[in-house]
Amino acid sequence: MDNKKKILIIDDEKELVQSIMVRLKASGYDVITAADGKLGVDTVRAEKPDLVLLDVIMPNLDGIETLQQIKQISRETIVIMITAFGSMKTALECMQLGGYDYIAKPFENKTLLSKIEKALSENKR
C-alpha cells in the first residue's frame, strides 16, 4: 500500500505550479494539479487529496469560492491558501471558512514544506 500523502495544487500560474510540484515530489509527496477552481473542485471530488494548496486569486471561480466548495465535499480536507495578495482580511476570511493556514507569495521552499508537514502531522486521518 502506498502511504504517500497526496497534495493537490490549484493555481493558474503554470510556472509556480511546476516549481511547487518539483519541490513536493522531491520531498516524497504524490502531487496532482488543477489550473482553476472548477477543475480543482472536480479533482478534490475524484482524487480525495490529503492536502490542497489553493491560490486565492484565480479567474472564474476564485479561491474563497473554491474553498467553500471543497469544504462542502470534504470538511476534513486540509486547505492552505496561497496568494500574492497577502491581506489579513482575506487570511481571516479563509480561516473562518475552514482554511488551515495561509502563505504569501513569494515564499521559501522550507516555509511551504514546514506548513505542509505541520498540517499533515496535526490532522492525521
N, C-alpha and C. Protein backbone atom coordinates (compact mmCIF):
# COMPACT_ATOMS: atom_id res chain seq x y z
N MET A 1 0.84 -1.20 0.00
CA MET A 1 0.00 0.00 0.00
C MET A 1 0.88 1.25 0.00
N ASP A 2 0.53 2.20 -0.81
CA ASP A 2 1.30 3.44 -0.94
C ASP A 2 0.86 4.43 0.14
N ASN A 3 1.81 4.83 1.00
CA ASN A 3 1.49 5.76 2.07
C ASN A 3 1.84 7.20 1.74
N LYS A 4 2.19 7.47 0.50
CA LYS A 4 2.50 8.85 0.11
C LYS A 4 1.27 9.72 0.30
N LYS A 5 1.48 10.88 0.88
CA LYS A 5 0.39 11.84 1.02
C LYS A 5 0.16 12.53 -0.32
N LYS A 6 -1.11 12.69 -0.66
CA LYS A 6 -1.49 13.29 -1.94
C LYS A 6 -1.80 14.77 -1.74
N ILE A 7 -1.10 15.61 -2.51
CA ILE A 7 -1.30 17.06 -2.44
C ILE A 7 -1.80 17.57 -3.79
N LEU A 8 -2.87 18.34 -3.74
CA LEU A 8 -3.43 18.98 -4.93
C LEU A 8 -3.05 20.45 -4.92
N ILE A 9 -2.46 20.93 -6.02
CA ILE A 9 -2.14 22.35 -6.17
C ILE A 9 -3.17 22.94 -7.13
N ILE A 10 -3.91 23.95 -6.66
CA ILE A 10 -4.88 24.64 -7.51
C ILE A 10 -4.38 26.07 -7.69
N ASP A 11 -3.87 26.36 -8.88
CA ASP A 11 -3.30 27.69 -9.16
C ASP A 11 -3.24 27.85 -10.67
N ASP A 12 -3.46 29.08 -11.15
CA ASP A 12 -3.43 29.33 -12.59
C ASP A 12 -2.06 29.78 -13.08
N GLU A 13 -1.07 29.91 -12.21
CA GLU A 13 0.28 30.29 -12.61
C GLU A 13 1.10 29.03 -12.88
N LYS A 14 1.25 28.68 -14.16
CA LYS A 14 1.89 27.42 -14.54
C LYS A 14 3.30 27.27 -14.00
N GLU A 15 4.10 28.35 -14.06
CA GLU A 15 5.49 28.26 -13.60
C GLU A 15 5.55 27.98 -12.10
N LEU A 16 4.70 28.64 -11.33
CA LEU A 16 4.67 28.42 -9.89
C LEU A 16 4.24 26.99 -9.57
N VAL A 17 3.20 26.53 -10.24
CA VAL A 17 2.72 25.16 -10.02
C VAL A 17 3.83 24.16 -10.30
N GLN A 18 4.53 24.34 -11.42
CA GLN A 18 5.63 23.43 -11.78
C GLN A 18 6.72 23.45 -10.71
N SER A 19 7.07 24.63 -10.25
CA SER A 19 8.11 24.78 -9.22
C SER A 19 7.71 24.09 -7.92
N ILE A 20 6.48 24.32 -7.46
CA ILE A 20 6.00 23.68 -6.23
C ILE A 20 5.94 22.17 -6.41
N MET A 21 5.47 21.71 -7.58
CA MET A 21 5.34 20.29 -7.84
C MET A 21 6.70 19.59 -7.73
N VAL A 22 7.73 20.18 -8.32
CA VAL A 22 9.07 19.60 -8.27
C VAL A 22 9.54 19.49 -6.82
N ARG A 23 9.35 20.56 -6.04
CA ARG A 23 9.77 20.56 -4.62
C ARG A 23 9.04 19.48 -3.83
N LEU A 24 7.74 19.38 -4.03
CA LEU A 24 6.95 18.43 -3.25
C LEU A 24 7.25 16.99 -3.64
N LYS A 25 7.40 16.73 -4.93
CA LYS A 25 7.75 15.37 -5.36
C LYS A 25 9.11 14.96 -4.81
N ALA A 26 10.06 15.90 -4.80
CA ALA A 26 11.39 15.62 -4.25
C ALA A 26 11.32 15.33 -2.75
N SER A 27 10.28 15.83 -2.10
CA SER A 27 10.10 15.59 -0.67
C SER A 27 9.24 14.35 -0.40
N GLY A 28 8.86 13.63 -1.45
CA GLY A 28 8.16 12.36 -1.29
C GLY A 28 6.65 12.42 -1.35
N TYR A 29 6.09 13.52 -1.80
CA TYR A 29 4.64 13.63 -1.90
C TYR A 29 4.16 13.24 -3.30
N ASP A 30 2.94 12.75 -3.37
CA ASP A 30 2.25 12.50 -4.63
C ASP A 30 1.53 13.81 -4.97
N VAL A 31 1.80 14.38 -6.13
CA VAL A 31 1.28 15.71 -6.46
C VAL A 31 0.38 15.67 -7.69
N ILE A 32 -0.78 16.31 -7.58
CA ILE A 32 -1.68 16.49 -8.70
C ILE A 32 -1.98 17.98 -8.80
N THR A 33 -2.41 18.43 -9.97
CA THR A 33 -2.62 19.86 -10.17
C THR A 33 -3.95 20.14 -10.87
N ALA A 34 -4.41 21.37 -10.68
CA ALA A 34 -5.59 21.86 -11.39
C ALA A 34 -5.35 23.34 -11.67
N ALA A 35 -5.69 23.78 -12.88
CA ALA A 35 -5.38 25.14 -13.31
C ALA A 35 -6.42 26.18 -12.91
N ASP A 36 -7.56 25.74 -12.37
CA ASP A 36 -8.56 26.71 -11.91
C ASP A 36 -9.43 26.08 -10.83
N GLY A 37 -10.27 26.91 -10.23
CA GLY A 37 -11.09 26.45 -9.12
C GLY A 37 -12.07 25.35 -9.47
N LYS A 38 -12.72 25.46 -10.62
CA LYS A 38 -13.69 24.44 -11.02
C LYS A 38 -13.02 23.09 -11.20
N LEU A 39 -11.90 23.07 -11.92
CA LEU A 39 -11.15 21.82 -12.08
C LEU A 39 -10.66 21.31 -10.72
N GLY A 40 -10.27 22.24 -9.86
CA GLY A 40 -9.81 21.87 -8.53
C GLY A 40 -10.89 21.17 -7.72
N VAL A 41 -12.09 21.71 -7.75
CA VAL A 41 -13.21 21.10 -7.03
C VAL A 41 -13.49 19.71 -7.58
N ASP A 42 -13.50 19.58 -8.91
CA ASP A 42 -13.72 18.27 -9.54
C ASP A 42 -12.62 17.29 -9.13
N THR A 43 -11.38 17.77 -9.05
CA THR A 43 -10.25 16.92 -8.68
C THR A 43 -10.35 16.49 -7.22
N VAL A 44 -10.77 17.39 -6.34
CA VAL A 44 -10.96 17.02 -4.93
C VAL A 44 -11.99 15.89 -4.84
N ARG A 45 -13.07 16.03 -5.59
CA ARG A 45 -14.12 15.02 -5.57
C ARG A 45 -13.59 13.67 -6.05
N ALA A 46 -12.80 13.68 -7.12
CA ALA A 46 -12.32 12.43 -7.73
C ALA A 46 -11.11 11.82 -7.01
N GLU A 47 -10.18 12.66 -6.58
CA GLU A 47 -8.89 12.18 -6.06
C GLU A 47 -8.77 12.13 -4.54
N LYS A 48 -9.62 12.87 -3.85
CA LYS A 48 -9.59 12.94 -2.38
C LYS A 48 -8.18 13.18 -1.83
N PRO A 49 -7.60 14.34 -2.15
CA PRO A 49 -6.24 14.63 -1.67
C PRO A 49 -6.20 14.82 -0.15
N ASP A 50 -5.01 14.59 0.41
CA ASP A 50 -4.82 14.81 1.85
C ASP A 50 -4.73 16.30 2.16
N LEU A 51 -4.19 17.06 1.21
CA LEU A 51 -3.98 18.49 1.43
C LEU A 51 -4.12 19.22 0.10
N VAL A 52 -4.65 20.44 0.16
CA VAL A 52 -4.80 21.27 -1.04
C VAL A 52 -4.05 22.58 -0.82
N LEU A 53 -3.23 22.96 -1.80
CA LEU A 53 -2.63 24.30 -1.85
C LEU A 53 -3.48 25.08 -2.83
N LEU A 54 -4.13 26.13 -2.37
CA LEU A 54 -5.15 26.82 -3.15
C LEU A 54 -4.84 28.31 -3.28
N ASP A 55 -4.69 28.77 -4.52
CA ASP A 55 -4.47 30.20 -4.78
C ASP A 55 -5.77 30.96 -4.53
N VAL A 56 -5.65 32.15 -3.95
CA VAL A 56 -6.83 32.96 -3.67
C VAL A 56 -7.35 33.65 -4.93
N ILE A 57 -6.45 34.22 -5.73
CA ILE A 57 -6.85 35.00 -6.90
C ILE A 57 -6.72 34.16 -8.17
N MET A 58 -7.87 33.75 -8.72
CA MET A 58 -7.90 32.96 -9.95
C MET A 58 -9.09 33.42 -10.79
N PRO A 59 -9.03 33.19 -12.10
CA PRO A 59 -10.19 33.53 -12.94
C PRO A 59 -11.34 32.55 -12.69
N ASN A 60 -12.51 32.93 -13.09
CA ASN A 60 -13.73 32.13 -12.95
C ASN A 60 -14.09 31.95 -11.48
N LEU A 61 -13.75 30.82 -10.91
CA LEU A 61 -14.06 30.51 -9.52
C LEU A 61 -12.86 30.89 -8.66
N ASP A 62 -13.00 31.93 -7.82
CA ASP A 62 -11.83 32.36 -7.04
C ASP A 62 -11.55 31.40 -5.88
N GLY A 63 -10.46 31.66 -5.18
CA GLY A 63 -10.02 30.76 -4.12
C GLY A 63 -10.99 30.63 -2.97
N ILE A 64 -11.65 31.72 -2.62
CA ILE A 64 -12.60 31.66 -1.50
C ILE A 64 -13.81 30.81 -1.86
N GLU A 65 -14.33 31.01 -3.07
CA GLU A 65 -15.46 30.18 -3.53
C GLU A 65 -15.03 28.72 -3.66
N THR A 66 -13.82 28.50 -4.15
CA THR A 66 -13.30 27.14 -4.29
C THR A 66 -13.16 26.48 -2.93
N LEU A 67 -12.63 27.21 -1.96
CA LEU A 67 -12.50 26.70 -0.59
C LEU A 67 -13.86 26.28 -0.04
N GLN A 68 -14.87 27.11 -0.23
CA GLN A 68 -16.21 26.79 0.26
C GLN A 68 -16.73 25.49 -0.36
N GLN A 69 -16.51 25.32 -1.67
CA GLN A 69 -16.98 24.11 -2.34
C GLN A 69 -16.20 22.88 -1.89
N ILE A 70 -14.88 23.04 -1.69
CA ILE A 70 -14.07 21.91 -1.21
C ILE A 70 -14.57 21.47 0.16
N LYS A 71 -14.86 22.41 1.03
CA LYS A 71 -15.32 22.08 2.38
C LYS A 71 -16.71 21.45 2.37
N GLN A 72 -17.52 21.75 1.35
CA GLN A 72 -18.82 21.08 1.22
C GLN A 72 -18.63 19.62 0.83
N ILE A 73 -17.61 19.35 0.03
CA ILE A 73 -17.31 17.98 -0.41
C ILE A 73 -16.68 17.19 0.73
N SER A 74 -15.72 17.81 1.41
CA SER A 74 -14.95 17.10 2.44
C SER A 74 -14.47 18.09 3.50
N ARG A 75 -15.13 18.11 4.63
CA ARG A 75 -14.76 19.03 5.71
C ARG A 75 -13.35 18.77 6.22
N GLU A 76 -12.90 17.50 6.15
CA GLU A 76 -11.59 17.17 6.71
C GLU A 76 -10.41 17.45 5.78
N THR A 77 -10.67 17.79 4.52
CA THR A 77 -9.57 18.11 3.61
C THR A 77 -8.85 19.36 4.11
N ILE A 78 -7.53 19.27 4.25
CA ILE A 78 -6.71 20.38 4.72
C ILE A 78 -6.46 21.32 3.54
N VAL A 79 -6.71 22.61 3.73
CA VAL A 79 -6.50 23.59 2.67
C VAL A 79 -5.59 24.70 3.17
N ILE A 80 -4.47 24.90 2.47
CA ILE A 80 -3.57 26.01 2.74
C ILE A 80 -3.72 26.99 1.58
N MET A 81 -4.08 28.22 1.90
CA MET A 81 -4.28 29.25 0.89
C MET A 81 -2.94 29.88 0.52
N ILE A 82 -2.72 30.12 -0.78
CA ILE A 82 -1.51 30.80 -1.24
C ILE A 82 -1.91 31.98 -2.12
N THR A 83 -1.21 33.09 -1.94
CA THR A 83 -1.55 34.27 -2.73
C THR A 83 -0.44 35.30 -2.72
N ALA A 84 -0.42 36.12 -3.74
CA ALA A 84 0.49 37.26 -3.79
C ALA A 84 -0.13 38.45 -3.08
N PHE A 85 -1.39 38.35 -2.80
CA PHE A 85 -2.12 39.44 -2.17
C PHE A 85 -2.40 39.07 -0.72
N GLY A 86 -1.38 39.13 0.12
CA GLY A 86 -1.47 38.64 1.49
C GLY A 86 -2.12 39.60 2.46
N SER A 87 -3.39 39.84 2.30
CA SER A 87 -4.07 40.74 3.24
C SER A 87 -4.59 39.95 4.44
N MET A 88 -4.54 40.58 5.60
CA MET A 88 -5.02 39.94 6.81
C MET A 88 -6.51 39.66 6.73
N LYS A 89 -7.27 40.54 6.09
CA LYS A 89 -8.71 40.33 5.96
C LYS A 89 -9.01 39.04 5.19
N THR A 90 -8.31 38.84 4.08
CA THR A 90 -8.51 37.62 3.29
C THR A 90 -8.08 36.39 4.08
N ALA A 91 -6.96 36.50 4.79
CA ALA A 91 -6.47 35.38 5.60
C ALA A 91 -7.51 34.99 6.65
N LEU A 92 -8.06 35.97 7.34
CA LEU A 92 -9.06 35.69 8.36
C LEU A 92 -10.33 35.09 7.76
N GLU A 93 -10.74 35.60 6.60
CA GLU A 93 -11.92 35.05 5.94
C GLU A 93 -11.70 33.58 5.57
N CYS A 94 -10.52 33.27 5.05
CA CYS A 94 -10.20 31.89 4.68
C CYS A 94 -10.21 30.97 5.90
N MET A 95 -9.67 31.45 7.01
CA MET A 95 -9.66 30.64 8.24
C MET A 95 -11.09 30.41 8.74
N GLN A 96 -11.92 31.43 8.67
CA GLN A 96 -13.31 31.28 9.11
C GLN A 96 -14.07 30.28 8.24
N LEU A 97 -13.66 30.16 6.99
CA LEU A 97 -14.33 29.24 6.06
C LEU A 97 -13.73 27.84 6.09
N GLY A 98 -12.75 27.61 6.94
CA GLY A 98 -12.20 26.27 7.08
C GLY A 98 -10.80 26.09 6.54
N GLY A 99 -10.17 27.16 6.08
CA GLY A 99 -8.77 27.06 5.65
C GLY A 99 -7.88 26.75 6.84
N TYR A 100 -6.86 25.95 6.64
CA TYR A 100 -5.96 25.57 7.73
C TYR A 100 -4.91 26.64 7.99
N ASP A 101 -4.34 27.17 6.91
CA ASP A 101 -3.25 28.13 7.04
C ASP A 101 -3.21 28.99 5.79
N TYR A 102 -2.25 29.89 5.75
CA TYR A 102 -2.17 30.92 4.71
C TYR A 102 -0.71 31.22 4.48
N ILE A 103 -0.28 31.30 3.22
CA ILE A 103 1.10 31.65 2.91
C ILE A 103 1.11 32.65 1.75
N ALA A 104 1.94 33.69 1.88
CA ALA A 104 2.00 34.73 0.85
C ALA A 104 3.16 34.47 -0.11
N LYS A 105 2.89 34.65 -1.41
CA LYS A 105 3.95 34.56 -2.43
C LYS A 105 4.74 35.86 -2.40
N PRO A 106 6.02 35.84 -2.66
CA PRO A 106 6.85 34.63 -2.83
C PRO A 106 7.17 34.03 -1.46
N PHE A 107 7.34 32.72 -1.44
CA PHE A 107 7.67 32.04 -0.19
C PHE A 107 8.87 31.14 -0.40
N GLU A 108 9.55 30.82 0.68
CA GLU A 108 10.70 29.94 0.60
C GLU A 108 10.24 28.49 0.63
N ASN A 109 11.00 27.62 -0.02
CA ASN A 109 10.68 26.18 -0.04
C ASN A 109 10.47 25.65 1.37
N LYS A 110 11.41 25.97 2.26
CA LYS A 110 11.34 25.39 3.60
C LYS A 110 10.11 25.88 4.36
N THR A 111 9.66 27.10 4.10
CA THR A 111 8.46 27.62 4.76
C THR A 111 7.23 26.84 4.30
N LEU A 112 7.12 26.64 3.00
CA LEU A 112 5.98 25.88 2.46
C LEU A 112 6.00 24.45 2.98
N LEU A 113 7.15 23.79 2.90
CA LEU A 113 7.25 22.40 3.36
C LEU A 113 6.94 22.29 4.85
N SER A 114 7.40 23.24 5.62
CA SER A 114 7.13 23.24 7.06
C SER A 114 5.63 23.33 7.34
N LYS A 115 4.94 24.22 6.63
CA LYS A 115 3.49 24.36 6.82
C LYS A 115 2.75 23.08 6.42
N ILE A 116 3.19 22.47 5.31
CA ILE A 116 2.56 21.22 4.85
C ILE A 116 2.79 20.11 5.86
N GLU A 117 4.03 19.94 6.31
CA GLU A 117 4.34 18.88 7.28
C GLU A 117 3.57 19.06 8.57
N LYS A 118 3.49 20.30 9.05
CA LYS A 118 2.74 20.59 10.28
C LYS A 118 1.26 20.26 10.11
N ALA A 119 0.69 20.70 8.99
CA ALA A 119 -0.73 20.44 8.74
C ALA A 119 -1.03 18.95 8.68
N LEU A 120 -0.19 18.20 7.97
CA LEU A 120 -0.43 16.76 7.83
C LEU A 120 -0.22 16.02 9.15
N SER A 121 0.76 16.43 9.94
CA SER A 121 1.00 15.74 11.21
C SER A 121 -0.08 16.05 12.24
N GLU A 122 -0.63 17.25 12.20
CA GLU A 122 -1.69 17.62 13.15
C GLU A 122 -3.05 17.06 12.76
N ASN A 123 -3.20 16.68 11.52
CA ASN A 123 -4.51 16.25 11.00
C ASN A 123 -4.44 14.85 10.40
N LYS A 124 -3.85 13.92 11.10
CA LYS A 124 -3.75 12.54 10.58
C LYS A 124 -5.14 11.95 10.45
N ARG A 125 -5.38 11.32 9.25
CA ARG A 125 -6.67 10.68 9.07
C ARG A 125 -6.48 9.22 8.79
